[in-house]
Amino acid sequence: TFLTHPSFHSHRSETALVRYIRRLADRDLALDRTMIPLGSCTLKLNAAAQSAVWLSPGLAGIHPYAPATQTRGWRLLLDGLAERLARLTGYDRCSLQPASGAQGELAGLLAVRGYLWATGQQQRDLVLVPASAHGTNAASAAGAGFSVTVVATAEDGSIDVDHLRELLAEYGQRVAAIMLTYPSTHGVFEPQVTEVTALVHDAGGQVYIDGANLNALTGLLRPGDLGGDVSHLNLHKTFAVPHGGGGPGVGPVVVKEHLAPYLPAGPAGSALPTDEDHDRGFGGAAAMGARFGSAGVMPLAWTYLATLTDADLRRVTLTALAHASYLSQALADVFPTLYTHRGHVAHECVLDLRALTAATGVTAEDVAKRLIDYGFHAPTLSFPVAGTLMVEPTESEPLAELDRFIAAMRSIRAEIDEVASGAVALEDSVLRRSPHTLAAVTAEPWKRPYSRATAAFPLAGMETDKYFPPVSRVDNAWGDRHLMCTCPPPDAFEAHEA
């Protein structure tokens, strides 16, 4: 009864099924077709060599509840991964259980709460969250039972240290922790990060450093050396496990020794092969009750690290930093970067379109949609600052792809300038009417004030490898406010209960 969707009954041969899958893939603007420059998400190459290990029967064929005697090889792999992650980040222990970045945040904060309660510091019920921190931090703190207070952002995009001092003076005895994202989600390395960690430690609080942007750090410096007591890591970002589509995510939590007893799942979250865990579950399902969380995808991260020395990882990181600064500086005259430090950015840059929007009405969403016509997945839209685009090229992209993105963005700026000059009305512009489907471009009659070629082939050479989106512009806000439920109607449950 669970195979009721028409797709399970419409394709009765392998030929038909392969063609169906191909049609689905052709509708997707994916990493195998173009750069996906989503800032703060690190959508990088997942190498074929990693999948070769991941899919080997000895790993892929294990039962989630196999006895410990049959999982020693698996446990050695997981223990090696946990030890490498702890060493790379400057911590003492690692739990692989959290099955997403958000779960890693929650597990880290619960470890902090467990430690505080065990040491008689129950009054510490407040978590400081900088405005420049990662988006889920405040929610995770609230989920762990803490109150949240926001630390302001300075003009350069870094933490306002004076405001932090004021908060510590007022709430010092209540501060359980501060949640830092380093480098910040604004895309810069904050030079005063060790001052911030020292101030919080002096007030008796713990320091949580979000690992979402670890692709800018690995091999260069370790969060634990910056004063961090706890971090979560995104294996589905920095460590090349596939990312997107809802999972499976993996968000291990790494801690200093004093927090280790409060990690989830067993003695300090150890992955060592023991015979006492046979009834715990090996970790097939992404559930907090599973000892190793999303264990099935961890061989991908293990292989990534097994093929790279620490020096290799340093080169990976430096390349990611260089790519982001290259894009930032190449676009500075047309789309200035909002925050920089000494003219450079970390692994991502926030392109500021707010002045252009005020002058022309062209929005960051217009640019994001028009990029699809150029064959690019859009960057992160309006986060962390409304009216901006946050771009992260990662280290995986070749120079030619970076230059192709730059050419597309500069061409879009020329289209914006036509609106600014009054040559084209915004509502009739190629920007506001993007993206253009194949059906739209071939429709008769053509009633738009720009040519079909301008709509579909805005840059020379695109004719040989053109992506057409399956749908045109949709009303995002309307869709967010009018959810479509695909579950059975409530009366179906009432009938079942009766």
Protein backbone atom coordinates (compact mmCIF):
# COMPACT_ATOMS: atom_id res chain seq x y z
CA THR A 1 0.00 0.00 0.00
CA PHE A 2 2.95 2.35 0.30
CA LEU A 3 3.66 2.05 -3.45
CA THR A 4 0.52 3.90 -4.48
CA HIS A 5 2.02 6.84 -6.36
CA PRO A 6 1.43 6.63 -10.15
CA SER A 7 5.21 6.69 -10.74
CA PHE A 8 5.41 3.15 -9.36
CA HIS A 9 2.93 1.93 -11.97
CA SER A 10 3.72 4.06 -15.04
CA HIS A 11 7.22 2.77 -15.84
CA ARG A 12 7.19 -0.93 -16.57
CA SER A 13 10.69 -1.36 -17.96
CA GLU A 14 14.17 -0.24 -17.03
CA THR A 15 14.29 1.85 -20.20
CA ALA A 16 11.17 3.75 -19.20
CA LEU A 17 12.35 4.18 -15.63
CA VAL A 18 15.77 5.51 -16.68
CA ARG A 19 14.12 8.02 -19.01
CA TYR A 20 11.77 9.11 -16.24
CA ILE A 21 14.73 9.71 -13.91
CA ARG A 22 16.55 11.59 -16.68
CA ARG A 23 13.54 13.86 -17.22
CA LEU A 24 13.50 14.68 -13.52
CA ALA A 25 17.23 15.40 -13.55
CA ASP A 26 16.87 17.69 -16.58
CA ARG A 27 14.49 19.88 -14.61
CA ASP A 28 17.02 20.37 -11.82
CA LEU A 29 19.67 23.07 -11.78
CA ALA A 30 22.14 20.93 -9.87
CA LEU A 31 25.85 20.84 -9.09
CA ASP A 32 26.52 18.51 -12.04
CA ARG A 33 25.41 21.35 -14.33
CA THR A 34 26.54 24.55 -12.63
CA MET A 35 28.00 26.17 -9.56
CA ILE A 36 25.56 26.41 -6.65
CA PRO A 37 26.94 29.45 -4.80
CA LEU A 38 24.70 29.27 -1.71
CA GLY A 39 26.35 31.34 0.98
CA SER A 40 26.70 29.62 4.38
CA CYS A 41 25.81 26.24 2.86
CA THR A 42 29.10 25.07 1.30
CA LEU A 43 27.74 23.07 -1.62
CA LYS A 44 31.00 21.52 -2.75
CA LEU A 45 32.11 18.50 -4.78
CA ASN A 46 31.17 15.07 -3.46
CA ALA A 47 33.85 13.00 -5.16
CA ALA A 48 33.09 9.74 -6.93
CA ALA A 49 35.84 8.03 -4.89
CA GLN A 50 33.82 8.69 -1.75
CA SER A 51 30.71 7.07 -3.16
CA ALA A 52 32.73 4.04 -4.25
CA VAL A 53 33.57 3.35 -0.59
CA TRP A 54 30.16 4.33 0.71
CA LEU A 55 28.35 1.84 -1.52
CA SER A 56 30.64 -1.13 -0.88
CA PRO A 57 28.54 -4.08 0.40
CA GLY A 58 30.61 -4.46 3.55
CA LEU A 59 29.48 -1.02 4.66
CA ALA A 60 26.16 -0.48 2.91
CA GLY A 61 24.84 -3.96 3.73
CA ILE A 62 25.05 -3.78 7.52
CA HIS A 63 21.82 -4.11 9.44
CA PRO A 64 21.05 -1.15 11.75
CA TYR A 65 20.67 -3.54 14.69
CA ALA A 66 23.50 -5.93 13.92
CA PRO A 67 25.27 -7.23 17.04
CA ALA A 68 28.46 -5.52 18.11
CA THR A 69 30.55 -8.53 17.02
CA GLN A 70 29.53 -7.80 13.42
CA THR A 71 30.18 -4.06 13.49
CA ARG A 72 33.79 -3.82 14.69
CA GLY A 73 35.00 -2.60 11.30
CA TRP A 74 32.26 -0.01 11.18
CA ARG A 75 33.09 1.14 14.69
CA LEU A 76 36.78 1.46 13.89
CA LEU A 77 35.86 3.64 10.91
CA LEU A 78 33.60 5.80 13.04
CA ASP A 79 36.15 6.06 15.80
CA GLY A 80 38.80 7.14 13.31
CA LEU A 81 36.43 9.77 11.93
CA ALA A 82 35.57 11.04 15.42
CA GLU A 83 39.24 11.29 16.43
CA ARG A 84 40.19 13.16 13.24
CA LEU A 85 37.31 15.60 13.65
CA ALA A 86 38.27 16.29 17.27
CA ARG A 87 41.91 16.82 16.36
CA LEU A 88 41.14 19.10 13.41
CA THR A 89 38.95 21.31 15.57
CA GLY A 90 41.04 21.41 18.75
CA TYR A 91 38.67 19.52 21.03
CA ASP A 92 38.98 16.45 23.22
CA ARG A 93 35.89 14.38 22.46
CA CYS A 94 33.41 13.92 19.62
CA SER A 95 29.90 12.47 19.47
CA LEU A 96 28.72 11.42 16.03
CA GLN A 97 25.10 11.03 17.08
CA PRO A 98 23.43 14.31 16.03
CA ALA A 99 21.78 13.79 12.66
CA SER A 100 21.80 17.42 11.50
CA GLY A 101 23.49 20.72 12.19
CA ALA A 102 20.51 21.83 14.26
CA GLN A 103 20.68 18.63 16.31
CA GLY A 104 24.40 19.24 16.79
CA GLU A 105 23.66 22.71 18.14
CA LEU A 106 21.03 21.30 20.49
CA ALA A 107 23.30 18.48 21.69
CA GLY A 108 26.11 20.96 22.38
CA LEU A 109 23.86 23.26 24.37
CA LEU A 110 22.39 20.34 26.31
CA ALA A 111 25.94 19.34 27.21
CA VAL A 112 26.53 22.87 28.48
CA ARG A 113 23.31 22.72 30.51
CA GLY A 114 24.23 19.32 31.93
CA TYR A 115 27.63 20.59 33.00
CA LEU A 116 26.21 23.75 34.59
CA TRP A 117 23.59 21.84 36.52
CA ALA A 118 26.12 19.25 37.68
CA THR A 119 28.36 22.02 39.02
CA GLY A 120 25.58 23.87 40.83
CA GLN A 121 25.20 26.72 38.33
CA GLN A 122 21.52 26.35 37.53
CA GLN A 123 21.13 30.14 37.63
CA ARG A 124 22.99 30.37 34.31
CA ASP A 125 19.95 30.32 32.04
CA LEU A 126 20.87 32.91 29.40
CA VAL A 127 22.58 32.39 26.04
CA LEU A 128 24.06 35.33 24.16
CA VAL A 129 23.56 35.13 20.39
CA PRO A 130 25.28 37.72 18.18
CA ALA A 131 23.15 39.20 15.40
CA SER A 132 25.86 37.94 13.01
CA ALA A 133 25.53 34.32 14.18
CA HIS A 134 24.06 31.45 12.19
CA GLY A 135 20.31 31.53 11.81
CA THR A 136 19.36 28.49 13.88
CA ASN A 137 21.40 29.41 16.97
CA ALA A 138 18.66 31.27 18.82
CA ALA A 139 16.14 28.50 18.13
CA SER A 140 18.54 25.83 19.39
CA ALA A 141 19.21 27.80 22.57
CA ALA A 142 15.49 28.15 23.21
CA GLY A 143 15.01 24.46 22.48
CA ALA A 144 17.60 23.61 25.13
CA GLY A 145 15.66 25.61 27.69
CA PHE A 146 17.69 28.82 27.70
CA SER A 147 16.61 32.41 27.36
CA VAL A 148 18.23 34.36 24.52
CA THR A 149 19.69 37.85 24.33
CA VAL A 150 21.09 39.27 21.08
CA VAL A 151 24.52 40.93 20.91
CA ALA A 152 24.61 43.83 18.46
CA THR A 153 26.70 44.00 15.29
CA ALA A 154 29.35 46.68 14.78
CA GLU A 155 29.54 48.69 11.55
CA ASP A 156 32.20 46.38 10.10
CA GLY A 157 29.95 43.34 10.53
CA SER A 158 31.73 41.96 13.58
CA ILE A 159 30.43 41.58 17.14
CA ASP A 160 29.94 44.85 19.01
CA VAL A 161 32.35 44.19 21.88
CA ASP A 162 31.19 47.23 23.84
CA HIS A 163 27.62 45.91 23.76
CA LEU A 164 28.89 42.50 24.85
CA ARG A 165 30.64 44.09 27.83
CA GLU A 166 27.40 45.83 28.79
CA LEU A 167 25.45 42.58 28.64
CA LEU A 168 28.04 40.72 30.68
CA ALA A 169 28.03 43.49 33.29
CA GLU A 170 24.26 43.25 33.55
CA TYR A 171 23.69 39.51 33.20
CA GLY A 172 27.10 37.99 33.99
CA GLN A 173 25.87 35.55 36.66
CA ARG A 174 23.10 34.34 34.34
CA VAL A 175 25.20 33.83 31.19
CA ALA A 176 25.46 30.14 30.33
CA ALA A 177 27.17 30.57 26.97
CA ILE A 178 27.70 32.67 23.90
CA MET A 179 27.06 31.18 20.46
CA LEU A 180 29.59 32.43 17.93
CA THR A 181 29.74 31.77 14.21
CA TYR A 182 33.34 32.15 13.07
CA PRO A 183 33.93 33.44 10.52
CA SER A 184 30.66 35.27 10.95
CA THR A 185 27.71 34.74 8.64
CA HIS A 186 28.49 38.22 7.35
CA GLY A 187 31.45 36.61 5.60
CA VAL A 188 34.38 38.09 7.55
CA PHE A 189 36.91 36.89 10.09
CA GLU A 190 36.31 38.83 13.27
CA PRO A 191 39.72 39.94 14.59
CA GLN A 192 38.47 40.28 18.17
CA VAL A 193 37.15 36.71 18.48
CA THR A 194 39.62 35.69 21.19
CA GLU A 195 38.78 38.84 23.15
CA VAL A 196 35.10 37.84 22.99
CA THR A 197 35.78 34.30 24.20
CA ALA A 198 37.98 35.58 27.02
CA LEU A 199 35.31 38.03 28.20
CA VAL A 200 32.67 35.29 28.33
CA HIS A 201 35.01 32.88 30.12
CA ASP A 202 35.88 35.56 32.67
CA ALA A 203 32.16 35.94 33.36
CA GLY A 204 31.88 32.18 33.94
CA GLY A 205 30.13 31.31 30.67
CA GLN A 206 30.89 28.68 28.06
CA VAL A 207 31.75 29.39 24.42
CA TYR A 208 29.90 27.62 21.63
CA ILE A 209 31.43 28.10 18.16
CA ASP A 210 29.11 27.16 15.31
CA GLY A 211 30.86 24.93 12.78
CA ALA A 212 28.68 25.93 9.82
CA ASN A 213 31.50 27.97 8.29
CA LEU A 214 34.32 25.55 9.06
CA ASN A 215 35.15 25.39 5.35
CA ALA A 216 36.95 28.69 5.97
CA LEU A 217 39.01 27.29 8.86
CA THR A 218 39.96 23.63 8.39
CA GLY A 219 43.71 23.20 8.34
CA LEU A 220 44.29 26.89 9.17
CA LEU A 221 43.14 27.20 12.76
CA ARG A 222 40.99 25.28 15.24
CA PRO A 223 37.86 26.57 17.00
CA GLY A 224 39.04 24.94 20.21
CA ASP A 225 42.17 27.09 20.11
CA LEU A 226 40.07 30.25 19.82
CA GLY A 227 38.54 29.55 23.21
CA GLY A 228 35.69 27.31 22.14
CA ASP A 229 34.29 24.83 24.65
CA VAL A 230 31.92 23.16 22.22
CA SER A 231 31.18 23.18 18.47
CA HIS A 232 29.05 21.28 16.06
CA LEU A 233 30.37 20.31 12.63
CA ASN A 234 28.43 19.90 9.40
CA LEU A 235 29.71 16.81 7.61
CA HIS A 236 27.24 17.70 4.85
CA LYS A 237 29.12 20.95 4.28
CA THR A 238 32.83 21.09 5.09
CA PHE A 239 33.47 17.36 4.94
CA ALA A 240 31.85 16.68 1.57
CA VAL A 241 28.84 14.57 2.45
CA PRO A 242 26.08 15.38 -0.09
CA HIS A 243 24.06 18.41 0.93
CA GLY A 244 20.57 19.48 -0.02
CA GLY A 245 17.24 17.86 -0.62
CA GLY A 246 16.49 17.59 3.07
CA GLY A 247 19.28 15.27 4.15
CA PRO A 248 20.67 13.12 5.43
CA GLY A 249 22.59 15.66 7.46
CA VAL A 250 25.27 14.84 9.98
CA GLY A 251 26.13 17.31 12.75
CA PRO A 252 28.70 15.80 15.15
CA VAL A 253 29.36 17.73 18.33
CA VAL A 254 32.91 18.20 19.64
CA VAL A 255 33.72 19.37 23.17
CA LYS A 256 36.49 20.06 25.63
CA GLU A 257 37.05 17.43 28.31
CA HIS A 258 34.90 19.06 31.00
CA LEU A 259 31.80 18.77 28.80
CA ALA A 260 32.50 15.22 27.58
CA PRO A 261 30.43 13.42 30.26
CA TYR A 262 27.34 15.26 29.04
CA LEU A 263 27.52 14.25 25.38
CA PRO A 264 24.69 12.10 24.03
CA ALA A 265 24.73 8.34 23.56
CA GLY A 266 27.01 6.43 25.82
CA PRO A 267 30.28 7.16 27.61
CA ALA A 268 31.34 10.57 26.33
CA GLY A 269 29.90 9.71 22.93
CA SER A 270 32.70 7.25 22.29
CA ALA A 271 32.59 5.31 19.04
CA LEU A 272 34.94 2.62 20.31
CA PRO A 273 33.81 -0.95 19.56
CA THR A 274 32.25 -2.37 22.68
CA ASP A 275 30.01 -5.36 23.19
CA GLU A 276 27.64 -3.54 25.50
CA ASP A 277 25.78 -1.63 22.79
CA HIS A 278 24.21 -4.39 20.74
CA ASP A 279 20.73 -3.37 21.82
CA ARG A 280 21.28 0.36 21.34
CA GLY A 281 21.05 0.29 17.58
CA PHE A 282 23.90 0.94 15.22
CA GLY A 283 22.46 4.05 13.66
CA GLY A 284 20.54 3.33 10.49
CA ALA A 285 17.83 5.90 11.16
CA ALA A 286 18.53 9.60 11.65
CA ALA A 287 17.16 9.67 15.19
CA MET A 288 18.49 11.02 18.46
CA GLY A 289 18.02 7.56 19.91
CA ALA A 290 20.52 5.99 17.51
CA ARG A 291 24.07 5.74 18.81
CA PHE A 292 25.73 7.02 15.65
CA GLY A 293 23.01 9.12 14.02
CA SER A 294 23.18 9.07 10.22
CA ALA A 295 25.93 6.47 10.25
CA GLY A 296 25.25 5.32 6.69
CA VAL A 297 26.70 8.46 5.10
CA MET A 298 29.70 8.87 7.40
CA PRO A 299 32.00 6.76 5.18
CA LEU A 300 31.80 9.65 2.70
CA ALA A 301 33.36 12.04 5.22
CA TRP A 302 35.81 9.37 6.36
CA THR A 303 36.99 8.88 2.77
CA TYR A 304 37.25 12.64 2.21
CA LEU A 305 39.55 12.93 5.22
CA ALA A 306 41.44 9.71 4.44
CA THR A 307 42.46 11.09 1.05
CA LEU A 308 43.59 14.46 2.42
CA THR A 309 46.41 15.28 4.80
CA ASP A 310 46.19 18.27 7.10
CA ALA A 311 48.30 20.18 4.58
CA ASP A 312 45.83 19.24 1.83
CA LEU A 313 42.96 20.50 3.96
CA ARG A 314 44.82 23.77 4.45
CA ARG A 315 45.10 24.14 0.68
CA VAL A 316 41.39 23.36 0.29
CA THR A 317 40.53 26.11 2.75
CA LEU A 318 42.88 28.67 1.25
CA THR A 319 41.40 27.98 -2.18
CA ALA A 320 37.87 28.53 -0.88
CA LEU A 321 38.96 31.83 0.67
CA ALA A 322 40.73 32.91 -2.51
CA HIS A 323 37.71 32.11 -4.67
CA ALA A 324 35.35 34.16 -2.51
CA SER A 325 37.66 37.16 -2.42
CA TYR A 326 38.20 36.84 -6.18
CA LEU A 327 34.47 37.09 -6.83
CA SER A 328 34.05 39.87 -4.28
CA GLN A 329 36.78 42.03 -5.81
CA ALA A 330 35.84 41.29 -9.43
CA LEU A 331 32.27 42.47 -8.78
CA ALA A 332 33.09 45.35 -6.43
CA ASP A 333 32.28 48.08 -8.95
CA VAL A 334 28.87 46.63 -9.91
CA PHE A 335 27.71 44.76 -6.79
CA PRO A 336 29.76 45.92 -3.79
CA THR A 337 30.42 43.55 -0.92
CA LEU A 338 28.73 44.68 2.28
CA TYR A 339 31.38 43.49 4.74
CA THR A 340 35.11 43.05 4.16
CA HIS A 341 38.18 42.94 6.37
CA ARG A 342 41.25 44.63 4.88
CA GLY A 343 39.65 44.27 1.47
CA HIS A 344 39.10 40.52 1.76
CA VAL A 345 36.31 38.17 2.80
CA ALA A 346 36.23 34.70 4.24
CA HIS A 347 34.71 31.82 2.23
CA GLU A 348 31.63 33.85 1.24
CA CYS A 349 30.72 37.42 0.40
CA VAL A 350 27.51 39.40 0.91
CA LEU A 351 26.72 41.39 -2.25
CA ASP A 352 24.77 44.53 -1.36
CA LEU A 353 21.94 45.42 -3.76
CA ARG A 354 20.02 47.74 -1.45
CA ALA A 355 21.19 50.99 -3.06
CA LEU A 356 20.36 49.63 -6.53
CA THR A 357 16.94 48.57 -5.31
CA ALA A 358 16.25 52.00 -3.85
CA ALA A 359 17.30 53.70 -7.10
CA THR A 360 15.70 51.34 -9.64
CA GLY A 361 13.21 49.05 -7.92
CA VAL A 362 15.19 46.01 -9.11
CA THR A 363 15.38 43.60 -6.18
CA ALA A 364 17.82 40.94 -5.11
CA GLU A 365 15.10 38.44 -6.02
CA ASP A 366 15.02 39.80 -9.58
CA VAL A 367 18.76 39.16 -9.86
CA ALA A 368 18.41 35.70 -8.33
CA LYS A 369 15.68 34.74 -10.82
CA ARG A 370 17.53 36.22 -13.78
CA LEU A 371 20.65 34.21 -12.91
CA ILE A 372 18.67 31.08 -13.76
CA ASP A 373 18.41 32.30 -17.37
CA TYR A 374 22.21 32.49 -17.35
CA GLY A 375 22.41 28.89 -16.16
CA PHE A 376 23.28 29.57 -12.51
CA HIS A 377 21.64 28.50 -9.32
CA ALA A 378 20.92 31.62 -7.29
CA PRO A 379 23.02 32.55 -4.24
CA THR A 380 21.43 32.77 -0.80
CA LEU A 381 18.75 35.46 -0.97
CA SER A 382 18.30 38.17 1.70
CA PHE A 383 20.26 36.36 4.42
CA PRO A 384 21.87 37.43 6.68
CA VAL A 385 20.87 40.94 5.50
CA ALA A 386 17.62 41.71 3.67
CA GLY A 387 18.16 42.93 0.11
CA THR A 388 21.49 41.14 -0.39
CA LEU A 389 22.87 38.03 -2.07
CA MET A 390 25.34 35.87 -0.15
CA VAL A 391 27.72 34.05 -2.50
CA GLU A 392 29.96 31.09 -1.66
CA PRO A 393 31.86 29.58 -4.60
CA THR A 394 33.70 26.91 -2.52
CA GLU A 395 37.07 25.45 -3.53
CA SER A 396 35.49 23.00 -5.96
CA GLU A 397 34.92 25.42 -8.82
CA PRO A 398 37.47 25.99 -11.61
CA LEU A 399 38.49 29.50 -12.59
CA ALA A 400 36.44 29.30 -15.79
CA GLU A 401 33.25 28.78 -13.77
CA LEU A 402 34.05 31.71 -11.50
CA ASP A 403 34.64 33.91 -14.54
CA ARG A 404 31.37 32.70 -16.09
CA PHE A 405 29.53 33.78 -12.94
CA ILE A 406 31.27 37.15 -12.99
CA ALA A 407 30.30 37.65 -16.65
CA ALA A 408 26.68 36.79 -15.84
CA MET A 409 26.53 39.20 -12.90
CA ARG A 410 28.10 42.03 -14.90
CA SER A 411 25.63 41.42 -17.74
CA ILE A 412 22.76 41.55 -15.24
CA ARG A 413 24.12 44.84 -13.92
CA ALA A 414 23.96 46.21 -17.48
CA GLU A 415 20.30 45.14 -17.61
CA ILE A 416 19.70 46.97 -14.32
CA ASP A 417 21.34 50.08 -15.74
CA GLU A 418 18.82 50.05 -18.62
CA VAL A 419 16.05 50.24 -16.05
CA ALA A 420 17.90 52.97 -14.14
CA SER A 421 18.25 55.09 -17.29
CA GLY A 422 14.57 54.84 -18.10
CA ALA A 423 15.22 52.96 -21.34
CA VAL A 424 13.17 50.02 -20.03
CA ALA A 425 10.27 50.01 -17.59
CA LEU A 426 10.91 47.71 -14.64
CA GLU A 427 7.68 45.72 -14.99
CA ASP A 428 8.44 45.09 -18.68
CA SER A 429 12.11 44.32 -18.14
CA VAL A 430 13.83 41.02 -18.71
CA LEU A 431 14.72 41.08 -15.00
CA ARG A 432 11.19 41.22 -13.63
CA ARG A 433 9.92 38.62 -16.10
CA SER A 434 12.67 36.09 -15.47
CA PRO A 435 13.25 33.20 -15.46
CA HIS A 436 12.16 32.26 -18.97
CA THR A 437 10.88 28.77 -19.70
CA LEU A 438 11.20 27.11 -23.08
CA ALA A 439 7.44 27.42 -23.51
CA ALA A 440 7.60 31.15 -22.84
CA VAL A 441 10.47 31.75 -25.27
CA THR A 442 8.81 29.80 -28.09
CA ALA A 443 5.29 31.14 -27.54
CA GLU A 444 3.45 32.96 -30.33
CA PRO A 445 2.94 35.81 -30.47
CA TRP A 446 5.96 37.25 -28.66
CA LYS A 447 4.71 40.39 -26.90
CA ARG A 448 7.63 41.31 -24.73
CA PRO A 449 9.73 44.47 -25.35
CA TYR A 450 12.98 42.49 -25.52
CA SER A 451 13.99 39.79 -27.96
CA ARG A 452 13.73 36.04 -27.48
CA ALA A 453 17.52 35.85 -27.69
CA THR A 454 17.88 38.37 -24.85
CA ALA A 455 15.55 36.27 -22.73
CA ALA A 456 17.15 32.89 -23.35
CA PHE A 457 20.72 33.52 -24.52
CA PRO A 458 21.95 36.67 -22.77
CA LEU A 459 25.63 35.75 -23.16
CA ALA A 460 27.48 34.54 -26.25
CA GLY A 461 28.05 30.80 -26.39
CA MET A 462 25.04 29.79 -24.29
CA GLU A 463 23.31 28.25 -27.29
CA THR A 464 25.42 25.08 -27.06
CA ASP A 465 24.50 24.26 -23.46
CA LYS A 466 21.29 25.96 -22.42
CA TYR A 467 19.28 25.18 -19.27
CA PHE A 468 15.60 26.04 -19.38
CA PRO A 469 13.77 26.15 -16.03
CA PRO A 470 10.57 24.09 -15.84
CA VAL A 471 8.60 26.98 -14.29
CA SER A 472 8.73 30.75 -14.50
CA ARG A 473 8.38 33.30 -11.69
CA VAL A 474 6.22 32.26 -8.77
CA ASP A 475 4.93 34.30 -5.86
CA ASN A 476 7.25 33.10 -3.09
CA ALA A 477 5.47 34.96 -0.31
CA TRP A 478 2.07 33.61 -1.35
CA GLY A 479 3.43 30.08 -1.37
CA ASP A 480 4.94 30.49 2.09
CA ARG A 481 1.61 31.67 3.48
CA HIS A 482 -0.64 29.14 1.74
CA LEU A 483 0.73 25.73 2.57
CA MET A 484 -0.53 22.70 0.71
CA CYS A 485 -1.01 19.69 2.97
CA THR A 486 -0.29 16.34 1.30
CA CYS A 487 -1.32 14.27 4.32
CA PRO A 488 -4.75 12.61 4.60
CA PRO A 489 -7.64 14.87 5.70
CA PRO A 490 -8.45 14.98 9.42
CA ASP A 491 -11.67 13.03 8.97
CA ALA A 492 -9.65 10.08 7.69
CA PHE A 493 -7.92 9.85 11.06
CA GLU A 494 -11.23 10.24 12.88
CA ALA A 495 -12.66 7.32 10.93
CA HIS A 496 -9.60 5.20 11.75
CA GLU A 497 -9.82 6.01 15.46
CA ALA A 498 -13.51 5.11 15.46
